[in-house]
């Protein structure tokens, strides 16, 4: 099963969804805003990708955090921030089998999913 995590109005998520559909990839979309995020979903993402990869420090959500949330970030602090504010997670996140990928890049998706252009 392939799952794409993100938020529906994100332009990069829209590109990833369009690519998956154009290449006939059967996938489930999990919208962090509508479907939520719990520790059971986040745990393997952190284990496979690392919290440093998942925590999007260039996005609007991060920039709106108070300075105390942005300093001294550890895995437990990052986990708390991501669970409380899922839009701080880099998107989209693609999970297919045991393969995990953050962001969208056509070449990476082709490699991960075995699809040709």
C-alpha atoms as a PDB file:
ATOM      1  CA  UNK A   1       0.000   0.000   0.000  1.00  0.00           C
ATOM      2  CA  UNK A   2       1.230   3.465  -0.869  1.00  0.00           C
ATOM      3  CA  UNK A   3       0.262   6.389   1.342  1.00  0.00           C
ATOM      4  CA  UNK A   4       0.879  10.047   0.661  1.00  0.00           C
ATOM      5  CA  UNK A   5       0.809  12.312   3.712  1.00  0.00           C
ATOM      6  CA  UNK A   6       0.358  16.061   3.534  1.00  0.00           C
ATOM      7  CA  UNK A   7      -2.275  18.759   3.387  1.00  0.00           C
ATOM      8  CA  UNK A   8      -4.616  19.105   0.426  1.00  0.00           C
ATOM      9  CA  UNK A   9      -3.981  22.767  -0.363  1.00  0.00           C
ATOM     10  CA  UNK A  10      -0.156  22.464  -0.474  1.00  0.00           C
ATOM     11  CA  UNK A  11       1.116  23.045  -4.019  1.00  0.00           C
ATOM     12  CA  UNK A  12       3.863  20.434  -3.686  1.00  0.00           C
ATOM     13  CA  UNK A  13       1.365  17.855  -2.440  1.00  0.00           C
ATOM     14  CA  UNK A  14      -0.838  18.689  -5.440  1.00  0.00           C
ATOM     15  CA  UNK A  15       2.113  18.033  -7.784  1.00  0.00           C
ATOM     16  CA  UNK A  16       2.859  14.720  -6.087  1.00  0.00           C
ATOM     17  CA  UNK A  17      -0.784  13.624  -6.261  1.00  0.00           C
ATOM     18  CA  UNK A  18      -0.981  14.549  -9.933  1.00  0.00           C
ATOM     19  CA  UNK A  19       2.199  12.580 -10.653  1.00  0.00           C
ATOM     20  CA  UNK A  20       0.886   9.510  -8.816  1.00  0.00           C
ATOM     21  CA  UNK A  21      -2.409   9.678 -10.696  1.00  0.00           C
ATOM     22  CA  UNK A  22      -0.714  10.197 -14.084  1.00  0.00           C
ATOM     23  CA  UNK A  23       1.429   7.122 -13.443  1.00  0.00           C
ATOM     24  CA  UNK A  24      -1.444   4.933 -12.293  1.00  0.00           C
ATOM     25  CA  UNK A  25      -0.204   4.548  -8.742  1.00  0.00           C
ATOM     26  CA  UNK A  26      -2.916   3.342  -6.382  1.00  0.00           C
ATOM     27  CA  UNK A  27      -2.445   5.363  -3.211  1.00  0.00           C
ATOM     28  CA  UNK A  28      -4.247   6.589  -0.143  1.00  0.00           C
ATOM     29  CA  UNK A  29      -4.037  10.277   0.747  1.00  0.00           C
ATOM     30  CA  UNK A  30      -3.798  11.167   4.429  1.00  0.00           C
ATOM     31  CA  UNK A  31      -4.498  14.852   5.052  1.00  0.00           C
ATOM     32  CA  UNK A  32      -2.909  15.968   8.313  1.00  0.00           C
ATOM     33  CA  UNK A  33      -5.534  18.688   8.759  1.00  0.00           C
ATOM     34  CA  UNK A  34      -8.577  16.512   8.098  1.00  0.00           C
ATOM     35  CA  UNK A  35      -7.358  13.078   9.210  1.00  0.00           C
ATOM     36  CA  UNK A  36      -5.065  14.223  12.004  1.00  0.00           C
ATOM     37  CA  UNK A  37      -1.733  12.862  13.128  1.00  0.00           C
ATOM     38  CA  UNK A  38      -1.045  10.570  16.024  1.00  0.00           C
ATOM     39  CA  UNK A  39       2.078   9.080  17.573  1.00  0.00           C
ATOM     40  CA  UNK A  40       1.546   5.735  15.795  1.00  0.00           C
ATOM     41  CA  UNK A  41       1.834   7.440  12.408  1.00  0.00           C
ATOM     42  CA  UNK A  42       4.652   9.778  13.401  1.00  0.00           C
ATOM     43  CA  UNK A  43       6.903   7.202  15.088  1.00  0.00           C
ATOM     44  CA  UNK A  44       7.926   5.246  11.944  1.00  0.00           C
ATOM     45  CA  UNK A  45       8.301   8.493   9.985  1.00  0.00           C
ATOM     46  CA  UNK A  46      10.810   9.758  12.547  1.00  0.00           C
ATOM     47  CA  UNK A  47      12.565   6.369  12.683  1.00  0.00           C
ATOM     48  CA  UNK A  48      12.951   6.115   8.898  1.00  0.00           C
ATOM     49  CA  UNK A  49      13.487   9.750   7.889  1.00  0.00           C
ATOM     50  CA  UNK A  50      14.779  11.409  11.064  1.00  0.00           C
ATOM     51  CA  UNK A  51      13.124  14.291  12.870  1.00  0.00           C
ATOM     52  CA  UNK A  52      15.581  16.747  11.304  1.00  0.00           C
ATOM     53  CA  UNK A  53      14.253  15.851   7.841  1.00  0.00           C
ATOM     54  CA  UNK A  54      10.611  15.957   8.912  1.00  0.00           C
ATOM     55  CA  UNK A  55      10.710  19.280  10.739  1.00  0.00           C
ATOM     56  CA  UNK A  56      10.180  21.954   8.088  1.00  0.00           C
ATOM     57  CA  UNK A  57      12.057  24.971   9.405  1.00  0.00           C
ATOM     58  CA  UNK A  58      11.450  26.992   6.233  1.00  0.00           C
ATOM     59  CA  UNK A  59       7.657  26.937   6.364  1.00  0.00           C
ATOM     60  CA  UNK A  60       5.120  29.410   7.721  1.00  0.00           C
ATOM     61  CA  UNK A  61       4.174  27.224  10.687  1.00  0.00           C
ATOM     62  CA  UNK A  62       7.773  27.190  11.944  1.00  0.00           C
ATOM     63  CA  UNK A  63       8.192  30.941  11.449  1.00  0.00           C
ATOM     64  CA  UNK A  64       5.089  31.603  13.564  1.00  0.00           C
ATOM     65  CA  UNK A  65       6.376  29.605  16.537  1.00  0.00           C
ATOM     66  CA  UNK A  66       7.634  31.561  19.541  1.00  0.00           C
ATOM     67  CA  UNK A  67      11.409  31.606  19.876  1.00  0.00           C
ATOM     68  CA  UNK A  68      11.322  29.193  22.829  1.00  0.00           C
ATOM     69  CA  UNK A  69       9.845  26.491  20.556  1.00  0.00           C
ATOM     70  CA  UNK A  70      12.521  27.046  17.912  1.00  0.00           C
ATOM     71  CA  UNK A  71      15.559  26.786  20.180  1.00  0.00           C
ATOM     72  CA  UNK A  72      17.080  23.675  21.668  1.00  0.00           C
ATOM     73  CA  UNK A  73      15.087  21.291  19.504  1.00  0.00           C
ATOM     74  CA  UNK A  74      15.529  17.626  20.409  1.00  0.00           C
ATOM     75  CA  UNK A  75      13.718  14.580  19.089  1.00  0.00           C
ATOM     76  CA  UNK A  76      11.152  14.760  21.908  1.00  0.00           C
ATOM     77  CA  UNK A  77      10.539  18.483  21.364  1.00  0.00           C
ATOM     78  CA  UNK A  78      10.280  17.974  17.594  1.00  0.00           C
ATOM     79  CA  UNK A  79       7.830  15.091  18.122  1.00  0.00           C
ATOM     80  CA  UNK A  80       5.668  17.273  20.376  1.00  0.00           C
ATOM     81  CA  UNK A  81       5.691  20.166  17.888  1.00  0.00           C
ATOM     82  CA  UNK A  82       4.784  17.872  14.980  1.00  0.00           C
ATOM     83  CA  UNK A  83       1.952  16.216  16.898  1.00  0.00           C
ATOM     84  CA  UNK A  84       0.545  19.574  18.029  1.00  0.00           C
ATOM     85  CA  UNK A  85       1.135  21.321  14.672  1.00  0.00           C
ATOM     86  CA  UNK A  86       1.266  18.757  11.830  1.00  0.00           C
ATOM     87  CA  UNK A  87       1.659  21.507   9.227  1.00  0.00           C
ATOM     88  CA  UNK A  88       5.252  21.949  10.448  1.00  0.00           C
ATOM     89  CA  UNK A  89       6.079  18.604   8.805  1.00  0.00           C
ATOM     90  CA  UNK A  90       7.831  18.648   5.434  1.00  0.00           C
ATOM     91  CA  UNK A  91       5.452  17.574   2.705  1.00  0.00           C
ATOM     92  CA  UNK A  92       4.547  15.464   1.001  1.00  0.00           C
ATOM     93  CA  UNK A  93       5.615  12.270   2.715  1.00  0.00           C
ATOM     94  CA  UNK A  94       5.441   9.148   0.578  1.00  0.00           C
ATOM     95  CA  UNK A  95       5.355   5.737   2.208  1.00  0.00           C
ATOM     96  CA  UNK A  96       5.347   2.694  -0.022  1.00  0.00           C
ATOM     97  CA  UNK A  97       6.085  -0.644   1.559  1.00  0.00           C
ATOM     98  CA  UNK A  98       9.252  -0.149   3.599  1.00  0.00           C
ATOM     99  CA  UNK A  99      10.353   2.912   1.594  1.00  0.00           C
ATOM    100  CA  UNK A 100       9.910   6.428   2.979  1.00  0.00           C
ATOM    101  CA  UNK A 101      10.474   9.703   1.149  1.00  0.00           C
ATOM    102  CA  UNK A 102      10.081  13.362   2.148  1.00  0.00           C
ATOM    103  CA  UNK A 103       9.325  16.030  -0.440  1.00  0.00           C
ATOM    104  CA  UNK A 104       8.513  15.612  -4.109  1.00  0.00           C
ATOM    105  CA  UNK A 105      10.987  14.911  -6.873  1.00  0.00           C
ATOM    106  CA  UNK A 106       9.894  13.108 -10.049  1.00  0.00           C
ATOM    107  CA  UNK A 107      13.132  11.134 -10.380  1.00  0.00           C
ATOM    108  CA  UNK A 108      12.885   9.948  -6.776  1.00  0.00           C
ATOM    109  CA  UNK A 109       9.257   8.900  -7.233  1.00  0.00           C
ATOM    110  CA  UNK A 110      10.148   7.036 -10.440  1.00  0.00           C
ATOM    111  CA  UNK A 111      12.936   5.203  -8.634  1.00  0.00           C
ATOM    112  CA  UNK A 112      10.852   4.405  -5.543  1.00  0.00           C
ATOM    113  CA  UNK A 113       7.770   3.295  -7.437  1.00  0.00           C
ATOM    114  CA  UNK A 114       9.420   1.717 -10.486  1.00  0.00           C
ATOM    115  CA  UNK A 115       7.542   3.972 -12.904  1.00  0.00           C
ATOM    116  CA  UNK A 116       8.762   5.338 -16.221  1.00  0.00           C
ATOM    117  CA  UNK A 117       8.157   8.874 -17.384  1.00  0.00           C
END
